[in-house]
Amino acid sequence: MFKFLKQMTIAIFTLACTSAWALAADDVLKPFVLGSTSAGAVADKAEAAKAALTAEGFAVVGAYSPYPNTTIIVVTNDELKANAAKSEHGGFGAMQRVSVSKAGNDVQVAYTNPVYMANAYRMAGDLKGVSASMAKALGRVEEFGAKGLTPAKLRKYHYMFGMEYFNEPSELAEHKSYEDAVKAVEANLATGAAGVTKVYRIDIPGKKESVFGVAMKGKTDADKFMDDKYIMSEIDFKDIKSAAHLPYEILVSGNKTYALYARFRIAASFPDLSMMGDNSFMRIMDSPEAIRKALTLAAGGKYEGASWK
């Protein structure tokens, strides 16, 4: 009898541990979702993705090709904008990004994981409805891009000690009013100031807040550390492409403009990237300040050198 009770206790304990592990595994989030992999042309797949997203109620607000064989599509909808309106600096999370990338003989369609981004950017809601709509439009094969983080860890995420959190963005410029700030950003992006150009703009309802998605291209080799193509060539090296990390954002909130500092913005998309070695953060160690400089000038601010927190 004692032996039977012992075996039952072990079985119940094992089942409880297995259930707890399964719950924890289900609770882990990764930054990207692979929607599909199939043969075809990037241009054709991009147009199909746009049509499918539109049919699911998304508005395509911009698209660009940061480097050959890759197209990035940016979308928003009412749920994303309403959630942004309820969140501090919610404009950073007012969109989802879709990548259409040639990888070997196939084309991968992938996108940012809405629930991951909602937690990483401390949004008011978890965007599970947006996640379901994205999956319906583009498919959902698997989440990828990291071993995974729980929602609780994402909401207080930073890469390591001394590096920035979501609530520590760089202040790029200050203007007399929200209207002046938007006007300055629009004008500078139109001229390609500091190699930064406009991909999209989303205005947040009920707030004096707008987010601009921007393409960054270095004009000379000396500017390579702010260049989309260069940065991604160093860190997006795995078989499933994480190009939906792009594009970067400038946020106008009130009369000020902000950007997430790259030690947070890049790390949030690539949390498992090693600090040293090949394809590591060390390879782009000059990028955070190069990006801050470019975005500061694009926002109409004055860059005064590195500002370490």
Protein backbone atom coordinates (compact mmCIF):
# COMPACT_ATOMS: atom_id res chain seq x y z
CA MET A 1 0.00 0.00 0.00
CA PHE A 2 2.82 2.35 0.92
CA LYS A 3 4.57 1.59 -2.39
CA PHE A 4 1.34 2.33 -4.30
CA LEU A 5 0.85 5.66 -2.49
CA LYS A 6 4.47 6.58 -3.16
CA GLN A 7 4.05 5.84 -6.87
CA MET A 8 0.82 7.89 -6.98
CA THR A 9 2.53 10.81 -5.23
CA ILE A 10 5.41 10.74 -7.72
CA ALA A 11 2.98 10.56 -10.65
CA ILE A 12 0.91 13.48 -9.35
CA PHE A 13 4.07 15.53 -8.70
CA THR A 14 5.38 14.76 -12.20
CA LEU A 15 2.06 15.71 -13.76
CA ALA A 16 1.97 18.95 -11.79
CA CYS A 17 5.51 19.84 -12.86
CA THR A 18 4.74 18.98 -16.47
CA SER A 19 1.61 21.12 -16.41
CA ALA A 20 3.49 24.02 -14.82
CA TRP A 21 6.25 23.73 -17.43
CA ALA A 22 3.69 23.65 -20.24
CA LEU A 23 1.98 26.74 -18.83
CA ALA A 24 5.32 28.55 -18.59
CA ALA A 25 6.28 27.52 -22.13
CA ASP A 26 2.97 28.78 -23.48
CA ASP A 27 3.57 32.07 -21.68
CA VAL A 28 6.92 32.66 -23.40
CA LEU A 29 6.80 35.14 -26.28
CA LYS A 30 9.16 35.62 -29.23
CA PRO A 31 9.58 38.81 -31.29
CA PHE A 32 8.54 37.55 -34.73
CA VAL A 33 6.06 35.18 -36.36
CA LEU A 34 6.76 33.21 -39.53
CA GLY A 35 3.57 33.34 -41.57
CA SER A 36 4.58 31.28 -44.58
CA THR A 37 7.44 30.00 -46.72
CA SER A 38 6.87 29.27 -50.39
CA ALA A 39 8.33 29.63 -53.85
CA GLY A 40 7.71 32.82 -55.78
CA ALA A 41 8.83 36.40 -56.29
CA VAL A 42 9.17 38.94 -53.47
CA ALA A 43 7.14 41.54 -55.34
CA ASP A 44 4.24 39.13 -55.95
CA LYS A 45 4.23 37.90 -52.35
CA ALA A 46 4.32 41.47 -51.05
CA GLU A 47 1.27 42.44 -53.11
CA ALA A 48 -0.55 39.31 -51.93
CA ALA A 49 0.29 40.14 -48.32
CA LYS A 50 -1.00 43.69 -48.71
CA ALA A 51 -4.28 42.42 -50.18
CA ALA A 52 -4.71 39.84 -47.40
CA LEU A 53 -4.01 42.39 -44.69
CA THR A 54 -6.41 44.91 -46.20
CA ALA A 55 -9.12 42.24 -46.33
CA GLU A 56 -8.63 41.73 -42.57
CA GLY A 57 -9.19 45.41 -41.82
CA PHE A 58 -5.61 46.65 -41.73
CA ALA A 59 -4.52 49.85 -43.44
CA VAL A 60 -1.19 49.69 -45.26
CA VAL A 61 0.52 52.94 -44.25
CA GLY A 62 3.88 52.39 -45.92
CA ALA A 63 6.30 50.01 -47.58
CA TYR A 64 9.93 50.06 -48.64
CA SER A 65 12.82 47.86 -49.71
CA PRO A 66 15.79 48.48 -47.40
CA TYR A 67 18.01 46.13 -49.44
CA PRO A 68 17.61 43.69 -52.35
CA ASN A 69 15.16 40.78 -52.10
CA THR A 70 13.39 42.28 -49.09
CA THR A 71 10.23 44.36 -48.78
CA ILE A 72 8.87 45.73 -45.52
CA ILE A 73 5.15 46.50 -45.22
CA VAL A 74 3.78 48.55 -42.32
CA VAL A 75 0.15 48.32 -41.23
CA THR A 76 -2.15 49.66 -38.55
CA ASN A 77 -5.82 49.33 -37.63
CA ASP A 78 -8.34 50.74 -35.17
CA GLU A 79 -7.33 48.39 -32.36
CA LEU A 80 -3.65 49.30 -32.68
CA LYS A 81 -4.36 53.04 -32.71
CA ALA A 82 -6.85 52.85 -29.84
CA ASN A 83 -4.33 50.89 -27.76
CA ALA A 84 -1.63 53.42 -28.60
CA ALA A 85 -3.91 56.24 -27.47
CA LYS A 86 -4.26 54.59 -24.04
CA SER A 87 -0.51 53.99 -23.60
CA GLU A 88 2.38 56.23 -22.58
CA HIS A 89 4.38 56.87 -25.76
CA GLY A 90 2.01 54.36 -27.32
CA GLY A 91 2.82 55.60 -30.82
CA PHE A 92 5.86 53.31 -30.79
CA GLY A 93 3.43 50.38 -30.82
CA ALA A 94 0.77 51.77 -33.17
CA MET A 95 1.81 49.56 -36.08
CA GLN A 96 2.87 46.08 -37.04
CA ARG A 97 5.63 45.36 -39.54
CA VAL A 98 5.63 42.61 -42.16
CA SER A 99 8.73 41.37 -43.98
CA VAL A 100 8.75 39.60 -47.33
CA SER A 101 12.24 38.16 -47.79
CA LYS A 102 13.96 35.92 -50.28
CA ALA A 103 15.80 33.17 -48.41
CA GLY A 104 17.42 30.54 -50.61
CA ASN A 105 14.88 29.41 -53.17
CA ASP A 106 11.86 30.46 -51.15
CA VAL A 107 10.16 33.63 -49.98
CA GLN A 108 9.43 34.06 -46.29
CA VAL A 109 6.54 36.19 -45.08
CA ALA A 110 7.04 37.12 -41.42
CA TYR A 111 5.79 39.79 -39.07
CA THR A 112 6.28 41.33 -35.65
CA ASN A 113 4.51 39.42 -32.90
CA PRO A 114 1.79 41.83 -31.67
CA VAL A 115 1.60 40.36 -28.17
CA TYR A 116 5.39 40.45 -27.77
CA MET A 117 5.54 44.06 -28.91
CA ALA A 118 2.61 45.07 -26.71
CA ASN A 119 4.50 43.85 -23.67
CA ALA A 120 7.95 45.08 -24.71
CA TYR A 121 6.46 48.54 -25.31
CA ARG A 122 4.35 48.48 -22.13
CA MET A 123 1.09 48.94 -24.01
CA ALA A 124 -2.25 49.14 -22.18
CA GLY A 125 -3.66 46.08 -23.98
CA ASP A 126 -2.05 42.84 -25.13
CA LEU A 127 -3.15 43.05 -28.81
CA LYS A 128 -4.30 39.44 -28.95
CA GLY A 129 -7.04 40.50 -31.37
CA VAL A 130 -4.45 42.02 -33.68
CA SER A 131 -2.41 38.82 -33.39
CA ALA A 132 -5.39 36.73 -34.47
CA SER A 133 -6.08 39.03 -37.43
CA MET A 134 -2.44 38.96 -38.54
CA ALA A 135 -2.43 35.16 -38.38
CA LYS A 136 -5.65 34.96 -40.39
CA ALA A 137 -4.21 37.24 -43.07
CA LEU A 138 -0.66 35.89 -43.29
CA GLY A 139 -0.61 32.51 -41.59
CA ARG A 140 1.18 31.40 -38.44
CA VAL A 141 3.81 28.66 -38.73
CA GLU A 142 5.87 29.50 -35.65
CA GLU A 143 7.19 32.28 -33.45
CA PHE A 144 10.92 32.90 -33.79
CA GLY A 145 13.78 35.26 -33.11
CA ALA A 146 14.66 34.35 -29.52
CA LYS A 147 14.45 31.66 -26.87
CA GLY A 148 11.54 33.70 -25.55
CA LEU A 149 10.58 36.00 -22.70
CA THR A 150 7.55 36.08 -20.46
CA PRO A 151 5.21 39.10 -20.59
CA ALA A 152 6.39 40.15 -17.12
CA LYS A 153 10.05 40.12 -18.18
CA LEU A 154 9.26 41.95 -21.40
CA ARG A 155 7.53 44.78 -19.54
CA LYS A 156 10.75 45.51 -17.66
CA TYR A 157 13.15 44.42 -20.41
CA HIS A 158 16.58 45.78 -21.05
CA TYR A 159 19.53 43.96 -22.58
CA MET A 160 21.83 44.18 -19.60
CA PHE A 161 22.82 46.32 -16.62
CA GLY A 162 23.31 49.97 -17.51
CA MET A 163 21.40 49.80 -20.79
CA GLU A 164 18.17 51.58 -21.58
CA TYR A 165 14.60 50.51 -20.84
CA PHE A 166 11.55 51.34 -22.95
CA ASN A 167 10.74 54.32 -20.73
CA GLU A 168 14.17 55.87 -21.35
CA PRO A 169 13.91 57.06 -24.97
CA SER A 170 16.26 59.62 -26.46
CA GLU A 171 14.82 63.13 -26.64
CA LEU A 172 15.77 64.30 -30.12
CA ALA A 173 14.37 67.81 -30.35
CA GLU A 174 11.98 70.28 -28.74
CA HIS A 175 9.77 72.66 -30.72
CA LYS A 176 7.30 75.39 -29.86
CA SER A 177 4.29 73.14 -30.44
CA TYR A 178 3.18 69.71 -31.62
CA GLU A 179 2.30 71.23 -34.98
CA ASP A 180 5.77 72.75 -35.33
CA ALA A 181 7.40 69.45 -34.37
CA VAL A 182 5.43 67.50 -36.98
CA LYS A 183 6.15 70.14 -39.61
CA ALA A 184 9.90 70.00 -38.89
CA VAL A 185 10.03 66.22 -39.09
CA GLU A 186 8.02 66.15 -42.32
CA ALA A 187 10.27 68.77 -43.92
CA ASN A 188 13.51 67.09 -42.93
CA LEU A 189 12.38 63.63 -44.00
CA ALA A 190 11.30 65.04 -47.35
CA THR A 191 14.84 66.31 -47.98
CA GLY A 192 16.53 63.19 -46.63
CA ALA A 193 18.31 65.04 -43.85
CA ALA A 194 21.18 62.93 -42.45
CA GLY A 195 20.18 60.07 -44.77
CA VAL A 196 16.79 59.60 -43.09
CA THR A 197 13.60 59.44 -45.19
CA LYS A 198 9.92 58.81 -44.51
CA VAL A 199 8.30 55.39 -44.85
CA TYR A 200 5.01 56.14 -43.09
CA ARG A 201 3.21 58.37 -40.59
CA ILE A 202 0.48 57.38 -38.12
CA ASP A 203 -1.42 59.96 -36.08
CA ILE A 204 -2.64 58.72 -32.70
CA PRO A 205 -6.34 59.53 -32.12
CA GLY A 206 -7.21 61.90 -29.31
CA LYS A 207 -3.58 62.81 -28.60
CA LYS A 208 -1.04 65.24 -29.97
CA GLU A 209 1.15 62.33 -30.96
CA SER A 210 2.40 61.01 -34.30
CA VAL A 211 4.85 58.28 -35.17
CA PHE A 212 7.02 58.32 -38.28
CA GLY A 213 8.65 55.21 -39.67
CA VAL A 214 11.98 56.06 -41.26
CA ALA A 215 14.47 54.49 -43.64
CA MET A 216 18.13 55.15 -42.89
CA LYS A 217 20.82 55.06 -45.54
CA GLY A 218 24.41 56.09 -45.00
CA LYS A 219 25.63 58.53 -47.64
CA THR A 220 29.27 57.46 -47.25
CA ASP A 221 31.11 54.49 -45.77
CA ALA A 222 31.72 56.59 -42.68
CA ASP A 223 27.95 56.66 -42.10
CA LYS A 224 27.47 52.90 -42.35
CA PHE A 225 26.63 52.39 -38.70
CA MET A 226 23.25 54.10 -39.10
CA ASP A 227 22.50 52.32 -42.37
CA ASP A 228 19.63 49.80 -42.39
CA LYS A 229 21.36 47.48 -44.83
CA TYR A 230 24.67 47.44 -42.97
CA ILE A 231 23.15 46.84 -39.54
CA MET A 232 20.93 44.02 -40.74
CA SER A 233 23.78 42.40 -42.68
CA GLU A 234 25.56 41.98 -39.35
CA ILE A 235 22.73 40.82 -37.08
CA ASP A 236 20.02 39.23 -39.27
CA PHE A 237 22.05 36.16 -40.16
CA LYS A 238 19.82 33.21 -39.28
CA ASP A 239 17.84 31.06 -41.71
CA ILE A 240 14.51 32.70 -40.86
CA LYS A 241 14.84 36.41 -41.52
CA SER A 242 14.00 39.08 -38.94
CA ALA A 243 13.76 41.97 -41.40
CA ALA A 244 10.46 43.05 -39.79
CA HIS A 245 12.68 44.73 -37.20
CA LEU A 246 12.72 47.63 -39.67
CA PRO A 247 11.95 50.48 -40.05
CA TYR A 248 12.99 52.61 -37.07
CA GLU A 249 10.67 55.25 -35.56
CA ILE A 250 10.61 58.92 -34.64
CA LEU A 251 7.83 59.80 -32.21
CA VAL A 252 6.37 63.27 -31.92
CA SER A 253 4.58 63.60 -28.58
CA GLY A 254 3.44 67.09 -27.70
CA ASN A 255 6.15 69.52 -28.68
CA LYS A 256 8.98 67.01 -28.31
CA THR A 257 10.37 64.28 -30.53
CA TYR A 258 11.75 60.97 -29.29
CA ALA A 259 13.33 57.73 -30.49
CA LEU A 260 13.90 54.49 -28.64
CA TYR A 261 17.62 54.25 -28.02
CA ALA A 262 19.14 51.52 -30.17
CA ARG A 263 20.48 49.54 -27.22
CA PHE A 264 16.81 48.94 -26.39
CA ARG A 265 15.21 49.10 -29.85
CA ILE A 266 17.58 46.61 -31.49
CA ALA A 267 17.88 44.38 -28.43
CA ALA A 268 14.09 44.07 -28.13
CA SER A 269 14.04 42.48 -31.60
CA PHE A 270 17.24 40.46 -31.07
CA PRO A 271 17.33 39.70 -27.32
CA ASP A 272 19.50 36.58 -27.76
CA LEU A 273 22.17 38.27 -29.86
CA SER A 274 25.56 37.78 -28.23
CA MET A 275 27.61 40.72 -27.02
CA MET A 276 30.90 39.54 -28.52
CA GLY A 277 32.08 37.64 -31.60
CA ASP A 278 30.81 37.35 -35.16
CA ASN A 279 27.25 38.57 -35.80
CA SER A 280 27.16 40.22 -32.38
CA PHE A 281 26.36 43.61 -30.91
CA MET A 282 30.09 44.30 -30.90
CA ARG A 283 29.96 44.40 -34.71
CA ILE A 284 27.54 47.34 -34.55
CA MET A 285 28.81 48.95 -31.35
CA ASP A 286 28.86 52.38 -33.01
CA SER A 287 25.29 52.09 -34.30
CA PRO A 288 23.34 53.35 -31.26
CA GLU A 289 24.98 56.77 -31.35
CA ALA A 290 25.09 56.88 -35.16
CA ILE A 291 21.32 56.26 -35.19
CA ARG A 292 20.67 58.81 -32.45
CA LYS A 293 22.68 61.41 -34.36
CA ALA A 294 20.84 60.78 -37.63
CA LEU A 295 17.41 60.83 -36.00
CA THR A 296 18.23 63.94 -33.98
CA LEU A 297 19.09 65.84 -37.16
CA ALA A 298 16.03 64.44 -38.94
CA ALA A 299 13.84 65.65 -36.06
CA GLY A 300 15.25 69.17 -36.29
CA GLY A 301 17.43 68.86 -33.21
CA LYS A 302 21.08 69.64 -32.59
CA TYR A 303 23.40 66.70 -32.04
CA GLU A 304 25.97 67.50 -29.39
CA GLY A 305 27.87 64.24 -29.19
CA ALA A 306 27.41 61.01 -27.28
CA SER A 307 25.10 61.14 -24.29
CA TRP A 308 25.62 58.15 -22.04
CA LYS A 309 23.01 57.39 -19.39
